[in-house]
Full PDB file with SEQRES, HELIX, SHEET, SSBOND, CRYST1, ORIGX, SCALE, CONECT and MASTER records, all heavy atoms in Angstrom:
SEQRES   1 A   37  GLY LYS GLN ARG ASP PHE VAL ALA ALA LEU ARG LYS SER          
SEQRES   2 A   37  ASP GLU ASN THR ARG TYR ALA ASP SER VAL LYS GLY ARG          
SEQRES   3 A   37  PHE THR ILE SER ARG ASP ASN ALA LYS ASN MET                  
SHEET    1 AA1 2 ALA A   8  LEU A  10  0                                        
SHEET    2 AA1 2 THR A  17  TYR A  19 -1                                        
CRYST1    1.000    1.000    1.000  90.00  90.00  90.00 P 1           1          
ORIGX1      1.000000  0.000000  0.000000        0.00000                         
ORIGX2      0.000000  1.000000  0.000000        0.00000                         
ORIGX3      0.000000  0.000000  1.000000        0.00000                         
SCALE1      1.000000  0.000000  0.000000        0.00000                         
SCALE2      0.000000  1.000000  0.000000        0.00000                         
SCALE3      0.000000  0.000000  1.000000        0.00000                         
ATOM      1  N   GLY A   1       0.777  -1.232   0.000  1.00  0.00           N  
ATOM      2  CA  GLY A   1       0.024  -0.022  -0.009  1.00  0.00           C  
ATOM      3  C   GLY A   1       0.809   1.262  -0.012  1.00  0.00           C  
ATOM      4  O   GLY A   1       0.264   2.386   0.089  1.00  0.00           O  
ATOM      5  N   LYS A   2       2.142   1.172  -0.082  1.00  0.00           N  
ATOM      6  CA  LYS A   2       2.984   2.351  -0.098  1.00  0.00           C  
ATOM      7  C   LYS A   2       3.836   2.448  -1.357  1.00  0.00           C  
ATOM      8  O   LYS A   2       3.928   1.456  -2.123  1.00  0.00           O  
ATOM      9  CB  LYS A   2       3.902   2.280   1.142  1.00  0.00           C  
ATOM     10  CG  LYS A   2       3.150   2.365   2.449  1.00  0.00           C  
ATOM     11  CD  LYS A   2       4.135   2.469   3.656  1.00  0.00           C  
ATOM     12  CE  LYS A   2       3.405   2.594   4.966  1.00  0.00           C  
ATOM     13  NZ  LYS A   2       4.337   2.734   6.120  1.00  0.00           N  
ATOM     14  N   GLN A   3       4.409   3.584  -1.558  1.00  0.00           N  
ATOM     15  CA  GLN A   3       5.207   3.767  -2.728  1.00  0.00           C  
ATOM     16  C   GLN A   3       6.572   3.160  -2.549  1.00  0.00           C  
ATOM     17  O   GLN A   3       6.981   2.819  -1.423  1.00  0.00           O  
ATOM     18  CB  GLN A   3       5.395   5.290  -3.006  1.00  0.00           C  
ATOM     19  CG  GLN A   3       6.199   5.987  -1.927  1.00  0.00           C  
ATOM     20  CD  GLN A   3       6.334   7.468  -2.212  1.00  0.00           C  
ATOM     21  OE1 GLN A   3       5.642   8.025  -3.095  1.00  0.00           O  
ATOM     22  NE2 GLN A   3       7.243   8.159  -1.505  1.00  0.00           N  
ATOM     23  N   ARG A   4       7.322   2.955  -3.617  1.00  0.00           N  
ATOM     24  CA  ARG A   4       8.630   2.441  -3.582  1.00  0.00           C  
ATOM     25  C   ARG A   4       9.564   3.468  -2.967  1.00  0.00           C  
ATOM     26  O   ARG A   4       9.502   4.640  -3.346  1.00  0.00           O  
ATOM     27  CB  ARG A   4       9.131   2.085  -4.994  1.00  0.00           C  
ATOM     28  CG  ARG A   4      10.458   1.423  -4.990  1.00  0.00           C  
ATOM     29  CD  ARG A   4      10.965   1.148  -6.436  1.00  0.00           C  
ATOM     30  NE  ARG A   4      11.535   2.332  -7.036  1.00  0.00           N  
ATOM     31  CZ  ARG A   4      12.343   2.308  -8.085  1.00  0.00           C  
ATOM     32  NH1 ARG A   4      12.675   1.164  -8.633  1.00  0.00           N  
ATOM     33  NH2 ARG A   4      12.798   3.484  -8.605  1.00  0.00           N  
ATOM     34  N   ASP A   5      10.356   3.046  -2.034  1.00  0.00           N  
ATOM     35  CA  ASP A   5      11.267   3.982  -1.296  1.00  0.00           C  
ATOM     36  C   ASP A   5      12.711   3.606  -1.531  1.00  0.00           C  
ATOM     37  O   ASP A   5      13.066   2.449  -1.565  1.00  0.00           O  
ATOM     38  CB  ASP A   5      10.993   3.900   0.244  1.00  0.00           C  
ATOM     39  CG  ASP A   5       9.737   4.599   0.654  1.00  0.00           C  
ATOM     40  OD1 ASP A   5       9.266   5.513  -0.098  1.00  0.00           O  
ATOM     41  OD2 ASP A   5       9.181   4.206   1.683  1.00  0.00           O  
ATOM     42  N   PHE A   6      13.511   4.603  -1.697  1.00  0.00           N  
ATOM     43  CA  PHE A   6      14.995   4.464  -1.840  1.00  0.00           C  
ATOM     44  C   PHE A   6      15.550   3.915  -0.528  1.00  0.00           C  
ATOM     45  O   PHE A   6      15.183   4.382   0.578  1.00  0.00           O  
ATOM     46  CB  PHE A   6      15.588   5.741  -2.236  1.00  0.00           C  
ATOM     47  CG  PHE A   6      17.103   5.771  -2.094  1.00  0.00           C  
ATOM     48  CD1 PHE A   6      17.887   5.133  -3.059  1.00  0.00           C  
ATOM     49  CD2 PHE A   6      17.748   6.415  -1.053  1.00  0.00           C  
ATOM     50  CE1 PHE A   6      19.292   5.139  -2.953  1.00  0.00           C  
ATOM     51  CE2 PHE A   6      19.084   6.424  -0.955  1.00  0.00           C  
ATOM     52  CZ  PHE A   6      19.884   5.784  -1.886  1.00  0.00           C  
ATOM     53  N   VAL A   7      16.558   3.016  -0.600  1.00  0.00           N  
ATOM     54  CA  VAL A   7      17.189   2.515   0.610  1.00  0.00           C  
ATOM     55  C   VAL A   7      18.675   2.851   0.582  1.00  0.00           C  
ATOM     56  O   VAL A   7      19.203   3.496   1.506  1.00  0.00           O  
ATOM     57  CB  VAL A   7      17.066   0.988   0.699  1.00  0.00           C  
ATOM     58  CG1 VAL A   7      17.838   0.425   1.912  1.00  0.00           C  
ATOM     59  CG2 VAL A   7      15.582   0.589   0.840  1.00  0.00           C  
ATOM     60  N   ALA A   8      19.372   2.453  -0.500  1.00  0.00           N  
ATOM     61  CA  ALA A   8      20.811   2.704  -0.588  1.00  0.00           C  
ATOM     62  C   ALA A   8      21.282   2.614  -2.007  1.00  0.00           C  
ATOM     63  O   ALA A   8      20.670   1.940  -2.848  1.00  0.00           O  
ATOM     64  CB  ALA A   8      21.569   1.663   0.271  1.00  0.00           C  
ATOM     65  N   ALA A   9      22.374   3.356  -2.343  1.00  0.00           N  
ATOM     66  CA  ALA A   9      22.904   3.342  -3.702  1.00  0.00           C  
ATOM     67  C   ALA A   9      24.443   3.264  -3.605  1.00  0.00           C  
ATOM     68  O   ALA A   9      25.032   3.707  -2.627  1.00  0.00           O  
ATOM     69  CB  ALA A   9      22.498   4.560  -4.490  1.00  0.00           C  
ATOM     70  N   LEU A  10      25.057   2.705  -4.660  1.00  0.00           N  
ATOM     71  CA  LEU A  10      26.499   2.597  -4.748  1.00  0.00           C  
ATOM     72  C   LEU A  10      26.948   3.026  -6.156  1.00  0.00           C  
ATOM     73  O   LEU A  10      26.374   2.580  -7.142  1.00  0.00           O  
ATOM     74  CB  LEU A  10      26.896   1.147  -4.525  1.00  0.00           C  
ATOM     75  CG  LEU A  10      28.409   0.792  -4.527  1.00  0.00           C  
ATOM     76  CD1 LEU A  10      28.644  -0.305  -3.560  1.00  0.00           C  
ATOM     77  CD2 LEU A  10      28.859   0.384  -5.935  1.00  0.00           C  
ATOM     78  N   ARG A  11      27.954   3.882  -6.210  1.00  0.00           N  
ATOM     79  CA  ARG A  11      28.524   4.328  -7.470  1.00  0.00           C  
ATOM     80  C   ARG A  11      29.680   3.478  -7.840  1.00  0.00           C  
ATOM     81  O   ARG A  11      30.656   3.339  -7.032  1.00  0.00           O  
ATOM     82  CB  ARG A  11      28.910   5.791  -7.431  1.00  0.00           C  
ATOM     83  CG  ARG A  11      29.365   6.363  -8.737  1.00  0.00           C  
ATOM     84  CD  ARG A  11      29.402   7.921  -8.663  1.00  0.00           C  
ATOM     85  NE  ARG A  11      30.240   8.374  -7.560  1.00  0.00           N  
ATOM     86  CZ  ARG A  11      30.151   9.627  -7.011  1.00  0.00           C  
ATOM     87  NH1 ARG A  11      29.266  10.472  -7.455  1.00  0.00           N  
ATOM     88  NH2 ARG A  11      30.975   9.966  -6.002  1.00  0.00           N  
ATOM     89  N   LYS A  12      29.668   2.818  -8.946  1.00  0.00           N  
ATOM     90  CA  LYS A  12      30.683   1.820  -9.292  1.00  0.00           C  
ATOM     91  C   LYS A  12      32.106   2.434  -9.436  1.00  0.00           C  
ATOM     92  O   LYS A  12      33.049   1.765  -9.072  1.00  0.00           O  
ATOM     93  CB  LYS A  12      30.290   1.132 -10.603  1.00  0.00           C  
ATOM     94  CG  LYS A  12      29.013   0.247 -10.523  1.00  0.00           C  
ATOM     95  CD  LYS A  12      28.776  -0.334 -11.928  1.00  0.00           C  
ATOM     96  CE  LYS A  12      27.512  -1.153 -11.926  1.00  0.00           C  
ATOM     97  NZ  LYS A  12      27.211  -1.697 -13.256  1.00  0.00           N  
ATOM     98  N   SER A  13      32.211   3.648  -9.942  1.00  0.00           N  
ATOM     99  CA  SER A  13      33.504   4.181 -10.296  1.00  0.00           C  
ATOM    100  C   SER A  13      34.389   4.371  -9.057  1.00  0.00           C  
ATOM    101  O   SER A  13      35.622   4.166  -9.165  1.00  0.00           O  
ATOM    102  CB  SER A  13      33.323   5.513 -11.004  1.00  0.00           C  
ATOM    103  OG  SER A  13      32.651   6.427 -10.159  1.00  0.00           O  
ATOM    104  N   ASP A  14      33.795   4.730  -7.944  1.00  0.00           N  
ATOM    105  CA  ASP A  14      34.603   4.981  -6.735  1.00  0.00           C  
ATOM    106  C   ASP A  14      34.030   4.345  -5.491  1.00  0.00           C  
ATOM    107  O   ASP A  14      34.483   4.638  -4.380  1.00  0.00           O  
ATOM    108  CB  ASP A  14      34.787   6.516  -6.503  1.00  0.00           C  
ATOM    109  CG  ASP A  14      33.443   7.214  -6.349  1.00  0.00           C  
ATOM    110  OD1 ASP A  14      32.381   6.523  -6.361  1.00  0.00           O  
ATOM    111  OD2 ASP A  14      33.469   8.456  -6.197  1.00  0.00           O  
ATOM    112  N   GLU A  15      33.031   3.506  -5.638  1.00  0.00           N  
ATOM    113  CA  GLU A  15      32.415   2.764  -4.531  1.00  0.00           C  
ATOM    114  C   GLU A  15      31.756   3.724  -3.554  1.00  0.00           C  
ATOM    115  O   GLU A  15      31.475   3.341  -2.415  1.00  0.00           O  
ATOM    116  CB  GLU A  15      33.437   1.936  -3.810  1.00  0.00           C  
ATOM    117  CG  GLU A  15      34.124   0.849  -4.687  1.00  0.00           C  
ATOM    118  CD  GLU A  15      33.169  -0.188  -5.221  1.00  0.00           C  
ATOM    119  OE1 GLU A  15      32.273  -0.629  -4.484  1.00  0.00           O  
ATOM    120  OE2 GLU A  15      33.344  -0.596  -6.417  1.00  0.00           O  
ATOM    121  N   ASN A  16      31.514   4.970  -3.947  1.00  0.00           N  
ATOM    122  CA  ASN A  16      30.790   5.872  -3.091  1.00  0.00           C  
ATOM    123  C   ASN A  16      29.377   5.380  -2.831  1.00  0.00           C  
ATOM    124  O   ASN A  16      28.743   4.842  -3.736  1.00  0.00           O  
ATOM    125  CB  ASN A  16      30.699   7.265  -3.770  1.00  0.00           C  
ATOM    126  CG  ASN A  16      30.156   8.355  -2.842  1.00  0.00           C  
ATOM    127  OD1 ASN A  16      28.930   8.509  -2.769  1.00  0.00           O  
ATOM    128  ND2 ASN A  16      30.989   8.998  -2.126  1.00  0.00           N  
ATOM    129  N   THR A  17      28.936   5.566  -1.599  1.00  0.00           N  
ATOM    130  CA  THR A  17      27.594   5.083  -1.176  1.00  0.00           C  
ATOM    131  C   THR A  17      26.743   6.155  -0.577  1.00  0.00           C  
ATOM    132  O   THR A  17      27.318   7.207  -0.047  1.00  0.00           O  
ATOM    133  CB  THR A  17      27.716   3.920  -0.196  1.00  0.00           C  
ATOM    134  OG1 THR A  17      28.426   4.318   0.954  1.00  0.00           O  
ATOM    135  CG2 THR A  17      28.398   2.721  -0.832  1.00  0.00           C  
ATOM    136  N   ARG A  18      25.468   6.017  -0.632  1.00  0.00           N  
ATOM    137  CA  ARG A  18      24.556   6.950   0.058  1.00  0.00           C  
ATOM    138  C   ARG A  18      23.383   6.140   0.550  1.00  0.00           C  
ATOM    139  O   ARG A  18      23.051   5.101  -0.045  1.00  0.00           O  
ATOM    140  CB  ARG A  18      24.121   8.131  -0.825  1.00  0.00           C  
ATOM    141  CG  ARG A  18      23.361   7.724  -2.074  1.00  0.00           C  
ATOM    142  CD  ARG A  18      23.054   8.952  -2.945  1.00  0.00           C  
ATOM    143  NE  ARG A  18      22.298   8.620  -4.158  1.00  0.00           N  
ATOM    144  CZ  ARG A  18      21.000   8.588  -4.198  1.00  0.00           C  
ATOM    145  NH1 ARG A  18      20.261   8.885  -3.107  1.00  0.00           N  
ATOM    146  NH2 ARG A  18      20.365   8.318  -5.328  1.00  0.00           N  
ATOM    147  N   TYR A  19      22.735   6.645   1.623  1.00  0.00           N  
ATOM    148  CA  TYR A  19      21.678   5.903   2.249  1.00  0.00           C  
ATOM    149  C   TYR A  19      20.484   6.784   2.625  1.00  0.00           C  
ATOM    150  O   TYR A  19      20.630   7.991   2.848  1.00  0.00           O  
ATOM    151  CB  TYR A  19      22.223   5.284   3.557  1.00  0.00           C  
ATOM    152  CG  TYR A  19      23.309   4.276   3.367  1.00  0.00           C  
ATOM    153  CD1 TYR A  19      24.629   4.645   3.345  1.00  0.00           C  
ATOM    154  CD2 TYR A  19      23.001   2.911   3.161  1.00  0.00           C  
ATOM    155  CE1 TYR A  19      25.643   3.741   3.134  1.00  0.00           C  
ATOM    156  CE2 TYR A  19      24.017   1.974   2.948  1.00  0.00           C  
ATOM    157  CZ  TYR A  19      25.341   2.390   2.963  1.00  0.00           C  
ATOM    158  OH  TYR A  19      26.359   1.472   2.753  1.00  0.00           O  
ATOM    159  N   ALA A  20      19.344   6.146   2.664  1.00  0.00           N  
ATOM    160  CA  ALA A  20      18.211   6.847   3.237  1.00  0.00           C  
ATOM    161  C   ALA A  20      18.424   7.099   4.715  1.00  0.00           C  
ATOM    162  O   ALA A  20      19.098   6.300   5.401  1.00  0.00           O  
ATOM    163  CB  ALA A  20      16.924   5.987   3.026  1.00  0.00           C  
ATOM    164  N   ASP A  21      17.909   8.207   5.221  1.00  0.00           N  
ATOM    165  CA  ASP A  21      18.154   8.532   6.628  1.00  0.00           C  
ATOM    166  C   ASP A  21      17.690   7.468   7.573  1.00  0.00           C  
ATOM    167  O   ASP A  21      18.284   7.196   8.612  1.00  0.00           O  
ATOM    168  CB  ASP A  21      17.467   9.843   6.966  1.00  0.00           C  
ATOM    169  CG  ASP A  21      18.131  11.067   6.322  1.00  0.00           C  
ATOM    170  OD1 ASP A  21      19.304  10.942   5.935  1.00  0.00           O  
ATOM    171  OD2 ASP A  21      17.502  12.114   6.274  1.00  0.00           O  
ATOM    172  N   SER A  22      16.625   6.776   7.148  1.00  0.00           N  
ATOM    173  CA  SER A  22      16.011   5.784   8.028  1.00  0.00           C  
ATOM    174  C   SER A  22      16.878   4.533   8.220  1.00  0.00           C  
ATOM    175  O   SER A  22      16.639   3.746   9.177  1.00  0.00           O  
ATOM    176  CB  SER A  22      14.641   5.327   7.474  1.00  0.00           C  
ATOM    177  OG  SER A  22      14.774   4.825   6.193  1.00  0.00           O  
ATOM    178  N   VAL A  23      17.870   4.330   7.369  1.00  0.00           N  
ATOM    179  CA  VAL A  23      18.708   3.144   7.458  1.00  0.00           C  
ATOM    180  C   VAL A  23      20.177   3.426   7.719  1.00  0.00           C  
ATOM    181  O   VAL A  23      20.972   2.496   7.888  1.00  0.00           O  
ATOM    182  CB  VAL A  23      18.593   2.247   6.182  1.00  0.00           C  
ATOM    183  CG1 VAL A  23      17.139   1.950   5.900  1.00  0.00           C  
ATOM    184  CG2 VAL A  23      19.256   2.897   4.994  1.00  0.00           C  
ATOM    185  N   LYS A  24      20.507   4.694   7.745  1.00  0.00           N  
ATOM    186  CA  LYS A  24      21.939   5.076   8.004  1.00  0.00           C  
ATOM    187  C   LYS A  24      22.428   4.465   9.324  1.00  0.00           C  
ATOM    188  O   LYS A  24      21.760   4.519  10.350  1.00  0.00           O  
ATOM    189  CB  LYS A  24      22.055   6.578   8.044  1.00  0.00           C  
ATOM    190  CG  LYS A  24      22.129   7.234   6.683  1.00  0.00           C  
ATOM    191  CD  LYS A  24      22.304   8.739   6.823  1.00  0.00           C  
ATOM    192  CE  LYS A  24      22.327   9.399   5.486  1.00  0.00           C  
ATOM    193  NZ  LYS A  24      22.430  10.895   5.572  1.00  0.00           N  
ATOM    194  N   GLY A  25      23.629   3.865   9.231  1.00  0.00           N  
ATOM    195  CA  GLY A  25      24.241   3.279  10.403  1.00  0.00           C  
ATOM    196  C   GLY A  25      23.775   1.875  10.708  1.00  0.00           C  
ATOM    197  O   GLY A  25      24.344   1.156  11.573  1.00  0.00           O  
ATOM    198  N   ARG A  26      22.752   1.420   9.958  1.00  0.00           N  
ATOM    199  CA  ARG A  26      22.255   0.053  10.167  1.00  0.00           C  
ATOM    200  C   ARG A  26      22.446  -0.840   8.905  1.00  0.00           C  
ATOM    201  O   ARG A  26      22.673  -2.036   9.034  1.00  0.00           O  
ATOM    202  CB  ARG A  26      20.805   0.046  10.547  1.00  0.00           C  
ATOM    203  CG  ARG A  26      20.449   0.845  11.788  1.00  0.00           C  
ATOM    204  CD  ARG A  26      18.963   0.701  12.174  1.00  0.00           C  
ATOM    205  NE  ARG A  26      18.079   1.239  11.186  1.00  0.00           N  
ATOM    206  CZ  ARG A  26      17.109   0.408  10.609  1.00  0.00           C  
ATOM    207  NH1 ARG A  26      16.977  -0.825  10.907  1.00  0.00           N  
ATOM    208  NH2 ARG A  26      16.261   1.017   9.716  1.00  0.00           N  
ATOM    209  N   PHE A  27      22.326  -0.240   7.751  1.00  0.00           N  
ATOM    210  CA  PHE A  27      22.462  -0.973   6.501  1.00  0.00           C  
ATOM    211  C   PHE A  27      23.750  -0.615   5.779  1.00  0.00           C  
ATOM    212  O   PHE A  27      24.213   0.517   5.859  1.00  0.00           O  
ATOM    213  CB  PHE A  27      21.294  -0.632   5.555  1.00  0.00           C  
ATOM    214  CG  PHE A  27      19.936  -1.126   5.983  1.00  0.00           C  
ATOM    215  CD1 PHE A  27      19.712  -1.670   7.276  1.00  0.00           C  
ATOM    216  CD2 PHE A  27      18.840  -1.091   5.106  1.00  0.00           C  
ATOM    217  CE1 PHE A  27      18.469  -2.104   7.626  1.00  0.00           C  
ATOM    218  CE2 PHE A  27      17.594  -1.536   5.485  1.00  0.00           C  
ATOM    219  CZ  PHE A  27      17.400  -2.053   6.771  1.00  0.00           C  
ATOM    220  N   THR A  28      24.259  -1.611   5.063  1.00  0.00           N  
ATOM    221  CA  THR A  28      25.506  -1.387   4.270  1.00  0.00           C  
ATOM    222  C   THR A  28      25.309  -2.020   2.845  1.00  0.00           C  
ATOM    223  O   THR A  28      25.008  -3.217   2.746  1.00  0.00           O  
ATOM    224  CB  THR A  28      26.714  -2.020   4.918  1.00  0.00           C  
ATOM    225  OG1 THR A  28      26.866  -1.429   6.248  1.00  0.00           O  
ATOM    226  CG2 THR A  28      27.976  -1.719   4.080  1.00  0.00           C  
ATOM    227  N   ILE A  29      25.489  -1.219   1.840  1.00  0.00           N  
ATOM    228  CA  ILE A  29      25.444  -1.688   0.475  1.00  0.00           C  
ATOM    229  C   ILE A  29      26.842  -1.957  -0.007  1.00  0.00           C  
ATOM    230  O   ILE A  29      27.788  -1.211   0.265  1.00  0.00           O  
ATOM    231  CB  ILE A  29      24.708  -0.664  -0.468  1.00  0.00           C  
ATOM    232  CG1 ILE A  29      24.528  -1.241  -1.872  1.00  0.00           C  
ATOM    233  CG2 ILE A  29      25.487   0.637  -0.511  1.00  0.00           C  
ATOM    234  CD1 ILE A  29      23.657  -0.385  -2.764  1.00  0.00           C  
ATOM    235  N   SER A  30      27.012  -3.097  -0.751  1.00  0.00           N  
ATOM    236  CA  SER A  30      28.328  -3.441  -1.286  1.00  0.00           C  
ATOM    237  C   SER A  30      28.171  -4.253  -2.534  1.00  0.00           C  
ATOM    238  O   SER A  30      27.010  -4.676  -2.854  1.00  0.00           O  
ATOM    239  CB  SER A  30      29.142  -4.184  -0.234  1.00  0.00           C  
ATOM    240  OG  SER A  30      28.500  -5.425   0.091  1.00  0.00           O  
ATOM    241  N   ARG A  31      29.224  -4.562  -3.224  1.00  0.00           N  
ATOM    242  CA  ARG A  31      29.150  -5.345  -4.439  1.00  0.00           C  
ATOM    243  C   ARG A  31      30.397  -6.191  -4.554  1.00  0.00           C  
ATOM    244  O   ARG A  31      31.480  -5.894  -4.026  1.00  0.00           O  
ATOM    245  CB  ARG A  31      28.938  -4.465  -5.641  1.00  0.00           C  
ATOM    246  CG  ARG A  31      30.211  -3.652  -6.032  1.00  0.00           C  
ATOM    247  CD  ARG A  31      29.911  -2.804  -7.213  1.00  0.00           C  
ATOM    248  NE  ARG A  31      31.098  -2.034  -7.646  1.00  0.00           N  
ATOM    249  CZ  ARG A  31      31.629  -2.105  -8.833  1.00  0.00           C  
ATOM    250  NH1 ARG A  31      31.116  -2.897  -9.785  1.00  0.00           N  
ATOM    251  NH2 ARG A  31      32.734  -1.423  -9.142  1.00  0.00           N  
ATOM    252  N   ASP A  32      30.276  -7.263  -5.320  1.00  0.00           N  
ATOM    253  CA  ASP A  32      31.382  -8.135  -5.749  1.00  0.00           C  
ATOM    254  C   ASP A  32      31.408  -7.998  -7.252  1.00  0.00           C  
ATOM    255  O   ASP A  32      30.594  -8.684  -7.920  1.00  0.00           O  
ATOM    256  CB  ASP A  32      31.201  -9.550  -5.251  1.00  0.00           C  
ATOM    257  CG  ASP A  32      32.403 -10.432  -5.552  1.00  0.00           C  
ATOM    258  OD1 ASP A  32      33.035 -10.206  -6.572  1.00  0.00           O  
ATOM    259  OD2 ASP A  32      32.653 -11.340  -4.774  1.00  0.00           O  
ATOM    260  N   ASN A  33      32.291  -7.230  -7.781  1.00  0.00           N  
ATOM    261  CA  ASN A  33      32.345  -7.014  -9.258  1.00  0.00           C  
ATOM    262  C   ASN A  33      32.623  -8.255 -10.005  1.00  0.00           C  
ATOM    263  O   ASN A  33      32.079  -8.511 -11.071  1.00  0.00           O  
ATOM    264  CB  ASN A  33      33.348  -5.936  -9.539  1.00  0.00           C  
ATOM    265  CG  ASN A  33      33.240  -5.423 -10.926  1.00  0.00           C  
ATOM    266  OD1 ASN A  33      32.138  -5.291 -11.458  1.00  0.00           O  
ATOM    267  ND2 ASN A  33      34.351  -5.076 -11.585  1.00  0.00           N  
ATOM    268  N   ALA A  34      33.543  -9.085  -9.479  1.00  0.00           N  
ATOM    269  CA  ALA A  34      33.916 -10.290 -10.140  1.00  0.00           C  
ATOM    270  C   ALA A  34      32.738 -11.264 -10.303  1.00  0.00           C  
ATOM    271  O   ALA A  34      32.627 -12.007 -11.301  1.00  0.00           O  
ATOM    272  CB  ALA A  34      35.034 -11.010  -9.424  1.00  0.00           C  
ATOM    273  N   LYS A  35      31.868 -11.277  -9.296  1.00  0.00           N  
ATOM    274  CA  LYS A  35      30.724 -12.186  -9.328  1.00  0.00           C  
ATOM    275  C   LYS A  35      29.442 -11.499  -9.847  1.00  0.00           C  
ATOM    276  O   LYS A  35      28.445 -12.179  -9.942  1.00  0.00           O  
ATOM    277  CB  LYS A  35      30.456 -12.694  -7.933  1.00  0.00           C  
ATOM    278  CG  LYS A  35      31.566 -13.528  -7.341  1.00  0.00           C  
ATOM    279  CD  LYS A  35      31.234 -14.042  -5.916  1.00  0.00           C  
ATOM    280  CE  LYS A  35      32.341 -14.882  -5.341  1.00  0.00           C  
ATOM    281  NZ  LYS A  35      31.989 -15.369  -3.991  1.00  0.00           N  
ATOM    282  N   ASN A  36      29.557 -10.189 -10.172  1.00  0.00           N  
ATOM    283  CA  ASN A  36      28.388  -9.454 -10.625  1.00  0.00           C  
ATOM    284  C   ASN A  36      27.241  -9.503  -9.622  1.00  0.00           C  
ATOM    285  O   ASN A  36      26.101  -9.770 -10.013  1.00  0.00           O  
ATOM    286  CB  ASN A  36      27.957  -9.975 -11.993  1.00  0.00           C  
ATOM    287  CG  ASN A  36      27.119  -8.971 -12.748  1.00  0.00           C  
ATOM    288  OD1 ASN A  36      27.140  -7.732 -12.498  1.00  0.00           O  
ATOM    289  ND2 ASN A  36      26.285  -9.437 -13.659  1.00  0.00           N  
ATOM    290  N   MET A  37      27.570  -9.341  -8.390  1.00  0.00           N  
ATOM    291  CA  MET A  37      26.615  -9.412  -7.308  1.00  0.00           C  
ATOM    292  C   MET A  37      26.563  -8.099  -6.537  1.00  0.00           C  
ATOM    293  O   MET A  37      27.502  -7.383  -6.387  1.00  0.00           O  
ATOM    294  CB  MET A  37      27.045 -10.542  -6.304  1.00  0.00           C  
ATOM    295  CG  MET A  37      27.041 -11.922  -6.860  1.00  0.00           C  
ATOM    296  SD  MET A  37      25.374 -12.536  -7.154  1.00  0.00           S  
ATOM    297  CE  MET A  37      24.793 -12.692  -5.464  1.00  0.00           C  
TER     298      MET A  37                                                      
MASTER        0    0    0    0    2    0    0    6  297    1    0    3          
END                                                                             
């Protein structure tokens, strides 16, 4: 019943990340480039 909300993003070029205020300090976004995950 709610709209889609942003949680976290990662910029591939420098691994910079940003988070929604509601998840800062609790969630961590990351990637494994070799595994495309």
